[in-house]
Amino acid sequence: MEIHIAPVGVADFHQVLTDHARYWGERDLRSLHLLALVQAFGSTCLVARAEDGIRAHIFGFVTPDGTGYVHLAATRDDARGTGLGRRLYTAFAEAAERQGAQRLKAITSTGNSGSIAFHRSLGFPAKVVDDYNGPGLAMAVFHRDLPLGVS
């Protein structure tokens, strides 16, 4: 099945929320899906779409200091392990570079072993930063230079 990567539209955003459990399982992360991000940073908020719907999505933006920040990224349950997450991350990195990004950054909870392993496979070292998200809320923080250069 052919997959196309394209900017997220408003209808896509609502479909991702409708199918939330297919991407995030039991974790309720709907509050992190911000339509304002899609509206303001459309070229770096992307979906991977096939005939059967949205297989993956990534929401991010480029900061004034040239960092492509990945706010969230998820692959649908039936598309995991296919390389689609890597392909979508690469598309985000390329879009961020076109906007002048020189590096990428992402964060995840310290207990999210799947995300940590995925980011490490893309060449991101993981650093645990205490109190990153408030007192007692450590996060795994990832930084790496561009280009992404993964296949």
N, C-alpha and C. Protein backbone atom coordinates (compact mmCIF):
# COMPACT_ATOMS: atom_id res chain seq x y z
N MET A 1 0.84 -1.18 0.00
CA MET A 1 0.00 0.00 0.00
C MET A 1 0.89 1.24 0.00
N GLU A 2 0.60 2.16 -0.88
CA GLU A 2 1.40 3.37 -0.99
C GLU A 2 1.08 4.34 0.14
N ILE A 3 2.12 4.97 0.66
CA ILE A 3 1.98 5.92 1.76
C ILE A 3 2.52 7.27 1.30
N HIS A 4 1.74 8.31 1.56
CA HIS A 4 2.12 9.68 1.21
C HIS A 4 2.30 10.48 2.49
N ILE A 5 3.38 11.23 2.57
CA ILE A 5 3.60 12.12 3.70
C ILE A 5 3.24 13.52 3.26
N ALA A 6 2.40 14.18 4.08
CA ALA A 6 1.90 15.51 3.73
C ALA A 6 1.65 16.31 5.01
N PRO A 7 1.57 17.63 4.88
CA PRO A 7 1.22 18.45 6.04
C PRO A 7 -0.14 18.05 6.62
N VAL A 8 -0.28 18.17 7.91
CA VAL A 8 -1.52 17.86 8.61
C VAL A 8 -2.56 18.94 8.30
N GLY A 9 -3.74 18.52 7.93
CA GLY A 9 -4.86 19.44 7.78
C GLY A 9 -5.75 19.37 9.01
N VAL A 10 -6.68 20.28 9.10
CA VAL A 10 -7.59 20.30 10.25
C VAL A 10 -8.37 18.99 10.35
N ALA A 11 -8.85 18.47 9.23
CA ALA A 11 -9.58 17.20 9.24
C ALA A 11 -8.68 16.05 9.70
N ASP A 12 -7.40 16.08 9.27
CA ASP A 12 -6.45 15.06 9.72
C ASP A 12 -6.28 15.13 11.24
N PHE A 13 -6.14 16.33 11.75
CA PHE A 13 -5.98 16.54 13.19
C PHE A 13 -7.13 15.89 13.95
N HIS A 14 -8.35 16.15 13.50
CA HIS A 14 -9.52 15.58 14.18
C HIS A 14 -9.57 14.06 14.03
N GLN A 15 -9.11 13.53 12.89
CA GLN A 15 -9.08 12.08 12.71
C GLN A 15 -8.06 11.44 13.64
N VAL A 16 -6.92 12.07 13.81
CA VAL A 16 -5.90 11.57 14.74
C VAL A 16 -6.48 11.50 16.16
N LEU A 17 -7.21 12.52 16.55
CA LEU A 17 -7.82 12.50 17.89
C LEU A 17 -8.89 11.42 18.00
N THR A 18 -9.68 11.24 16.95
CA THR A 18 -10.71 10.20 16.95
C THR A 18 -10.08 8.82 17.10
N ASP A 19 -8.95 8.61 16.45
CA ASP A 19 -8.26 7.31 16.47
C ASP A 19 -7.14 7.27 17.51
N HIS A 20 -7.20 8.13 18.48
CA HIS A 20 -6.13 8.32 19.47
C HIS A 20 -5.58 7.00 20.03
N ALA A 21 -6.43 6.10 20.43
CA ALA A 21 -5.98 4.85 21.05
C ALA A 21 -5.16 4.00 20.08
N ARG A 22 -5.37 4.14 18.79
CA ARG A 22 -4.58 3.37 17.80
C ARG A 22 -3.12 3.81 17.78
N TYR A 23 -2.86 5.04 18.19
CA TYR A 23 -1.50 5.57 18.21
C TYR A 23 -0.87 5.48 19.60
N TRP A 24 -1.67 5.70 20.62
CA TRP A 24 -1.12 5.89 21.96
C TRP A 24 -1.55 4.82 22.96
N GLY A 25 -2.39 3.89 22.55
CA GLY A 25 -2.81 2.83 23.47
C GLY A 25 -3.59 3.39 24.64
N GLU A 26 -3.24 2.95 25.83
CA GLU A 26 -3.94 3.35 27.06
C GLU A 26 -3.58 4.76 27.52
N ARG A 27 -2.47 5.32 27.02
CA ARG A 27 -2.05 6.65 27.47
C ARG A 27 -2.93 7.71 26.81
N ASP A 28 -3.51 8.58 27.62
CA ASP A 28 -4.35 9.65 27.07
C ASP A 28 -3.49 10.90 26.88
N LEU A 29 -3.02 11.09 25.67
CA LEU A 29 -2.18 12.23 25.35
C LEU A 29 -2.89 13.23 24.43
N ARG A 30 -4.22 13.16 24.43
CA ARG A 30 -4.96 14.08 23.56
C ARG A 30 -4.67 15.54 23.88
N SER A 31 -4.40 15.85 25.14
CA SER A 31 -4.15 17.25 25.50
C SER A 31 -2.85 17.78 24.90
N LEU A 32 -1.95 16.91 24.47
CA LEU A 32 -0.72 17.34 23.82
C LEU A 32 -0.91 17.62 22.33
N HIS A 33 -2.01 17.19 21.78
CA HIS A 33 -2.32 17.42 20.37
C HIS A 33 -2.99 18.79 20.26
N LEU A 34 -2.24 19.75 19.83
CA LEU A 34 -2.71 21.13 19.80
C LEU A 34 -2.97 21.59 18.37
N LEU A 35 -4.22 21.92 18.09
CA LEU A 35 -4.57 22.40 16.76
C LEU A 35 -3.80 23.67 16.43
N ALA A 36 -3.49 24.47 17.44
CA ALA A 36 -2.71 25.69 17.20
C ALA A 36 -1.35 25.38 16.59
N LEU A 37 -0.73 24.27 16.96
CA LEU A 37 0.54 23.88 16.35
C LEU A 37 0.36 23.61 14.86
N VAL A 38 -0.71 22.90 14.53
CA VAL A 38 -1.00 22.60 13.13
C VAL A 38 -1.26 23.89 12.36
N GLN A 39 -2.01 24.79 12.96
CA GLN A 39 -2.35 26.05 12.29
C GLN A 39 -1.11 26.93 12.09
N ALA A 40 -0.23 26.98 13.09
CA ALA A 40 0.92 27.90 13.04
C ALA A 40 2.15 27.30 12.37
N PHE A 41 2.31 25.98 12.46
CA PHE A 41 3.53 25.33 11.96
C PHE A 41 3.20 24.20 11.01
N GLY A 42 2.32 24.49 10.06
CA GLY A 42 1.80 23.45 9.18
C GLY A 42 2.82 22.67 8.39
N SER A 43 3.93 23.31 8.02
CA SER A 43 4.90 22.61 7.18
C SER A 43 5.76 21.62 7.97
N THR A 44 5.71 21.68 9.30
CA THR A 44 6.47 20.74 10.12
C THR A 44 5.55 19.88 10.99
N CYS A 45 4.29 19.88 10.69
CA CYS A 45 3.32 18.95 11.29
C CYS A 45 2.85 18.06 10.14
N LEU A 46 3.19 16.78 10.22
CA LEU A 46 3.01 15.90 9.06
C LEU A 46 2.22 14.65 9.42
N VAL A 47 1.57 14.09 8.41
CA VAL A 47 0.91 12.79 8.53
C VAL A 47 1.44 11.88 7.42
N ALA A 48 1.43 10.60 7.73
CA ALA A 48 1.71 9.57 6.73
C ALA A 48 0.38 8.90 6.45
N ARG A 49 -0.12 9.07 5.22
CA ARG A 49 -1.47 8.64 4.86
C ARG A 49 -1.42 7.53 3.82
N ALA A 50 -2.25 6.51 4.05
CA ALA A 50 -2.43 5.42 3.10
C ALA A 50 -3.92 5.34 2.78
N GLU A 51 -4.29 4.40 1.92
CA GLU A 51 -5.71 4.24 1.58
C GLU A 51 -6.58 3.98 2.80
N ASP A 52 -6.01 3.32 3.80
CA ASP A 52 -6.80 2.97 4.99
C ASP A 52 -6.70 4.01 6.10
N GLY A 53 -6.19 5.18 5.80
CA GLY A 53 -6.17 6.25 6.78
C GLY A 53 -4.78 6.72 7.16
N ILE A 54 -4.72 7.47 8.24
CA ILE A 54 -3.46 8.05 8.72
C ILE A 54 -2.72 6.98 9.50
N ARG A 55 -1.55 6.64 9.03
CA ARG A 55 -0.74 5.59 9.66
C ARG A 55 0.19 6.14 10.75
N ALA A 56 0.58 7.41 10.62
CA ALA A 56 1.50 8.01 11.58
C ALA A 56 1.38 9.53 11.49
N HIS A 57 1.81 10.19 12.56
CA HIS A 57 1.82 11.65 12.55
C HIS A 57 2.98 12.16 13.40
N ILE A 58 3.41 13.36 13.07
CA ILE A 58 4.46 14.04 13.82
C ILE A 58 4.11 15.52 13.85
N PHE A 59 4.15 16.12 15.02
CA PHE A 59 3.87 17.55 15.19
C PHE A 59 5.14 18.19 15.74
N GLY A 60 5.63 19.21 15.07
CA GLY A 60 6.82 19.89 15.53
C GLY A 60 6.93 21.27 14.92
N PHE A 61 8.01 21.94 15.24
CA PHE A 61 8.23 23.30 14.75
C PHE A 61 9.72 23.61 14.84
N VAL A 62 10.12 24.72 14.25
CA VAL A 62 11.50 25.16 14.30
C VAL A 62 11.58 26.39 15.21
N THR A 63 12.49 26.34 16.18
CA THR A 63 12.65 27.45 17.12
C THR A 63 13.53 28.54 16.50
N PRO A 64 13.48 29.74 17.06
CA PRO A 64 14.31 30.82 16.52
C PRO A 64 15.81 30.53 16.54
N ASP A 65 16.27 29.65 17.43
CA ASP A 65 17.71 29.34 17.47
C ASP A 65 18.11 28.21 16.52
N GLY A 66 17.18 27.78 15.65
CA GLY A 66 17.50 26.78 14.64
C GLY A 66 17.38 25.34 15.11
N THR A 67 16.48 25.10 16.05
CA THR A 67 16.23 23.74 16.53
C THR A 67 14.90 23.25 16.01
N GLY A 68 14.90 22.10 15.36
CA GLY A 68 13.66 21.45 14.95
C GLY A 68 13.18 20.63 16.14
N TYR A 69 12.13 21.10 16.79
CA TYR A 69 11.61 20.45 18.00
C TYR A 69 10.44 19.55 17.65
N VAL A 70 10.56 18.28 18.01
CA VAL A 70 9.47 17.32 17.80
C VAL A 70 8.62 17.33 19.06
N HIS A 71 7.42 17.83 18.93
CA HIS A 71 6.49 17.91 20.06
C HIS A 71 5.88 16.54 20.36
N LEU A 72 5.49 15.83 19.32
CA LEU A 72 5.00 14.46 19.48
C LEU A 72 5.06 13.73 18.15
N ALA A 73 5.21 12.43 18.25
CA ALA A 73 5.25 11.58 17.06
C ALA A 73 4.67 10.23 17.44
N ALA A 74 3.86 9.66 16.56
CA ALA A 74 3.24 8.37 16.86
C ALA A 74 2.95 7.61 15.58
N THR A 75 3.03 6.30 15.68
CA THR A 75 2.71 5.40 14.58
C THR A 75 1.52 4.55 15.00
N ARG A 76 0.59 4.36 14.10
CA ARG A 76 -0.61 3.56 14.38
C ARG A 76 -0.20 2.13 14.71
N ASP A 77 -0.97 1.48 15.55
CA ASP A 77 -0.64 0.15 16.05
C ASP A 77 -0.34 -0.87 14.96
N ASP A 78 -1.03 -0.81 13.83
CA ASP A 78 -0.82 -1.80 12.77
C ASP A 78 0.30 -1.42 11.80
N ALA A 79 0.98 -0.29 12.04
CA ALA A 79 2.06 0.14 11.15
C ALA A 79 3.41 0.17 11.86
N ARG A 80 3.44 -0.22 13.13
CA ARG A 80 4.71 -0.21 13.86
C ARG A 80 5.64 -1.30 13.34
N GLY A 81 6.92 -0.98 13.38
CA GLY A 81 7.93 -1.94 12.93
C GLY A 81 8.13 -1.99 11.43
N THR A 82 7.50 -1.07 10.71
CA THR A 82 7.60 -1.06 9.24
C THR A 82 8.61 -0.04 8.72
N GLY A 83 9.20 0.76 9.61
CA GLY A 83 10.10 1.82 9.18
C GLY A 83 9.39 3.14 8.93
N LEU A 84 8.08 3.15 9.14
CA LEU A 84 7.31 4.37 8.86
C LEU A 84 7.68 5.50 9.81
N GLY A 85 7.88 5.20 11.08
CA GLY A 85 8.28 6.24 12.04
C GLY A 85 9.58 6.91 11.63
N ARG A 86 10.53 6.11 11.21
CA ARG A 86 11.83 6.62 10.74
C ARG A 86 11.63 7.49 9.49
N ARG A 87 10.79 7.03 8.59
CA ARG A 87 10.52 7.79 7.35
C ARG A 87 9.85 9.13 7.66
N LEU A 88 8.91 9.13 8.59
CA LEU A 88 8.21 10.36 8.96
C LEU A 88 9.16 11.32 9.68
N TYR A 89 9.98 10.79 10.57
CA TYR A 89 10.97 11.62 11.28
C TYR A 89 11.93 12.25 10.28
N THR A 90 12.34 11.49 9.27
CA THR A 90 13.23 12.01 8.23
C THR A 90 12.54 13.15 7.47
N ALA A 91 11.27 12.98 7.15
CA ALA A 91 10.52 14.04 6.46
C ALA A 91 10.44 15.29 7.33
N PHE A 92 10.23 15.12 8.63
CA PHE A 92 10.21 16.27 9.54
C PHE A 92 11.57 16.96 9.54
N ALA A 93 12.64 16.17 9.64
CA ALA A 93 13.99 16.74 9.67
C ALA A 93 14.27 17.55 8.40
N GLU A 94 13.86 17.02 7.26
CA GLU A 94 14.06 17.73 6.00
C GLU A 94 13.26 19.03 5.96
N ALA A 95 12.02 18.99 6.45
CA ALA A 95 11.19 20.21 6.50
C ALA A 95 11.81 21.24 7.45
N ALA A 96 12.32 20.77 8.59
CA ALA A 96 12.96 21.67 9.55
C ALA A 96 14.22 22.29 8.95
N GLU A 97 15.00 21.49 8.24
CA GLU A 97 16.22 22.02 7.60
C GLU A 97 15.87 23.10 6.58
N ARG A 98 14.79 22.90 5.84
CA ARG A 98 14.38 23.92 4.86
C ARG A 98 14.05 25.25 5.55
N GLN A 99 13.70 25.18 6.82
CA GLN A 99 13.39 26.39 7.59
C GLN A 99 14.60 26.87 8.39
N GLY A 100 15.76 26.30 8.14
CA GLY A 100 16.99 26.76 8.78
C GLY A 100 17.42 26.01 10.02
N ALA A 101 16.74 24.92 10.36
CA ALA A 101 17.14 24.15 11.53
C ALA A 101 18.51 23.52 11.31
N GLN A 102 19.29 23.51 12.36
CA GLN A 102 20.63 22.90 12.34
C GLN A 102 20.72 21.70 13.25
N ARG A 103 19.70 21.51 14.07
CA ARG A 103 19.69 20.41 15.04
C ARG A 103 18.25 20.00 15.32
N LEU A 104 18.09 18.84 15.93
CA LEU A 104 16.77 18.35 16.35
C LEU A 104 16.77 18.17 17.86
N LYS A 105 15.58 18.26 18.42
CA LYS A 105 15.37 18.02 19.85
C LYS A 105 14.03 17.34 20.03
N ALA A 106 13.99 16.44 20.99
CA ALA A 106 12.73 15.79 21.39
C ALA A 106 12.86 15.42 22.86
N ILE A 107 11.73 15.17 23.50
CA ILE A 107 11.72 14.71 24.89
C ILE A 107 10.71 13.58 25.02
N THR A 108 10.88 12.77 26.05
CA THR A 108 9.89 11.76 26.39
C THR A 108 10.00 11.46 27.87
N SER A 109 9.02 10.78 28.40
CA SER A 109 9.09 10.38 29.80
C SER A 109 10.21 9.36 29.97
N THR A 110 10.81 9.33 31.14
CA THR A 110 11.93 8.43 31.39
C THR A 110 11.50 6.96 31.33
N GLY A 111 10.23 6.69 31.50
CA GLY A 111 9.74 5.32 31.45
C GLY A 111 9.32 4.85 30.07
N ASN A 112 9.40 5.71 29.06
CA ASN A 112 8.96 5.35 27.72
C ASN A 112 10.11 4.68 26.96
N SER A 113 10.33 3.42 27.28
CA SER A 113 11.47 2.69 26.71
C SER A 113 11.38 2.58 25.19
N GLY A 114 10.18 2.46 24.64
CA GLY A 114 10.03 2.38 23.20
C GLY A 114 10.51 3.66 22.51
N SER A 115 10.11 4.80 23.03
CA SER A 115 10.54 6.08 22.45
C SER A 115 12.04 6.28 22.61
N ILE A 116 12.56 5.92 23.77
CA ILE A 116 14.00 6.07 23.99
C ILE A 116 14.78 5.20 23.00
N ALA A 117 14.37 3.96 22.84
CA ALA A 117 15.05 3.06 21.89
C ALA A 117 14.94 3.59 20.46
N PHE A 118 13.75 4.09 20.08
CA PHE A 118 13.56 4.63 18.73
C PHE A 118 14.50 5.81 18.49
N HIS A 119 14.54 6.75 19.42
CA HIS A 119 15.40 7.92 19.24
C HIS A 119 16.87 7.53 19.19
N ARG A 120 17.26 6.59 20.02
CA ARG A 120 18.66 6.12 19.98
C ARG A 120 18.96 5.49 18.61
N SER A 121 18.00 4.78 18.04
CA SER A 121 18.23 4.16 16.72
C SER A 121 18.41 5.22 15.63
N LEU A 122 17.93 6.43 15.88
CA LEU A 122 18.10 7.55 14.95
C LEU A 122 19.37 8.36 15.25
N GLY A 123 20.16 7.89 16.21
CA GLY A 123 21.40 8.58 16.53
C GLY A 123 21.31 9.65 17.59
N PHE A 124 20.21 9.68 18.32
CA PHE A 124 20.05 10.63 19.41
C PHE A 124 20.61 10.03 20.70
N PRO A 125 21.55 10.67 21.36
CA PRO A 125 21.88 10.23 22.71
C PRO A 125 20.76 10.69 23.65
N ALA A 126 20.48 9.91 24.67
CA ALA A 126 19.44 10.27 25.65
C ALA A 126 20.11 10.76 26.91
N LYS A 127 19.60 11.86 27.43
CA LYS A 127 20.09 12.41 28.69
C LYS A 127 18.88 12.63 29.60
N VAL A 128 18.91 12.07 30.79
CA VAL A 128 17.84 12.30 31.75
C VAL A 128 18.10 13.62 32.45
N VAL A 129 17.10 14.51 32.40
CA VAL A 129 17.22 15.83 33.02
C VAL A 129 16.19 15.90 34.14
N ASP A 130 16.68 15.98 35.37
CA ASP A 130 15.80 16.09 36.54
C ASP A 130 15.01 17.39 36.48
N ASP A 131 13.79 17.34 36.95
CA ASP A 131 12.91 18.51 37.06
C ASP A 131 12.66 19.21 35.71
N TYR A 132 12.88 18.52 34.60
CA TYR A 132 12.73 19.14 33.28
C TYR A 132 11.31 19.64 33.06
N ASN A 133 10.33 18.89 33.51
CA ASN A 133 8.94 19.24 33.29
C ASN A 133 8.26 19.67 34.59
N GLY A 134 9.05 20.18 35.52
CA GLY A 134 8.55 20.62 36.82
C GLY A 134 9.22 19.83 37.93
N PRO A 135 9.02 20.25 39.18
CA PRO A 135 9.65 19.58 40.31
C PRO A 135 9.32 18.09 40.35
N GLY A 136 10.37 17.26 40.38
CA GLY A 136 10.20 15.82 40.45
C GLY A 136 9.81 15.17 39.14
N LEU A 137 9.79 15.93 38.04
CA LEU A 137 9.37 15.40 36.74
C LEU A 137 10.55 15.35 35.77
N ALA A 138 11.35 14.31 35.91
CA ALA A 138 12.49 14.12 35.02
C ALA A 138 11.99 13.70 33.64
N MET A 139 12.74 14.06 32.62
CA MET A 139 12.42 13.68 31.25
C MET A 139 13.71 13.21 30.57
N ALA A 140 13.54 12.32 29.60
CA ALA A 140 14.64 11.96 28.71
C ALA A 140 14.66 13.01 27.61
N VAL A 141 15.81 13.65 27.43
CA VAL A 141 15.95 14.72 26.46
C VAL A 141 16.93 14.26 25.37
N PHE A 142 16.54 14.48 24.13
CA PHE A 142 17.33 14.06 22.98
C PHE A 142 17.73 15.28 22.16
N HIS A 143 19.00 15.34 21.78
CA HIS A 143 19.52 16.37 20.88
C HIS A 143 20.41 15.68 19.85
N ARG A 144 20.36 16.15 18.62
CA ARG A 144 21.34 15.72 17.63
C ARG A 144 21.39 16.73 16.50
N ASP A 145 22.54 16.79 15.86
CA ASP A 145 22.73 17.71 14.74
C ASP A 145 22.06 17.16 13.49
N LEU A 146 21.74 18.07 12.59
CA LEU A 146 21.26 17.74 11.27
C LEU A 146 22.42 17.78 10.29
N PRO A 147 22.38 17.06 9.19
CA PRO A 147 21.23 16.29 8.71
C PRO A 147 21.05 15.00 9.50
N LEU A 148 19.82 14.48 9.42
CA LEU A 148 19.49 13.27 10.16
C LEU A 148 20.28 12.08 9.61
N GLY A 149 20.33 11.94 8.29
CA GLY A 149 21.17 10.93 7.67
C GLY A 149 20.90 9.50 8.09
N VAL A 150 19.63 9.11 8.19
CA VAL A 150 19.27 7.72 8.48
C VAL A 150 18.45 7.20 7.32
N SER A 151 18.45 5.89 7.17
CA SER A 151 17.64 5.32 6.07
C SER A 151 16.61 4.37 6.62
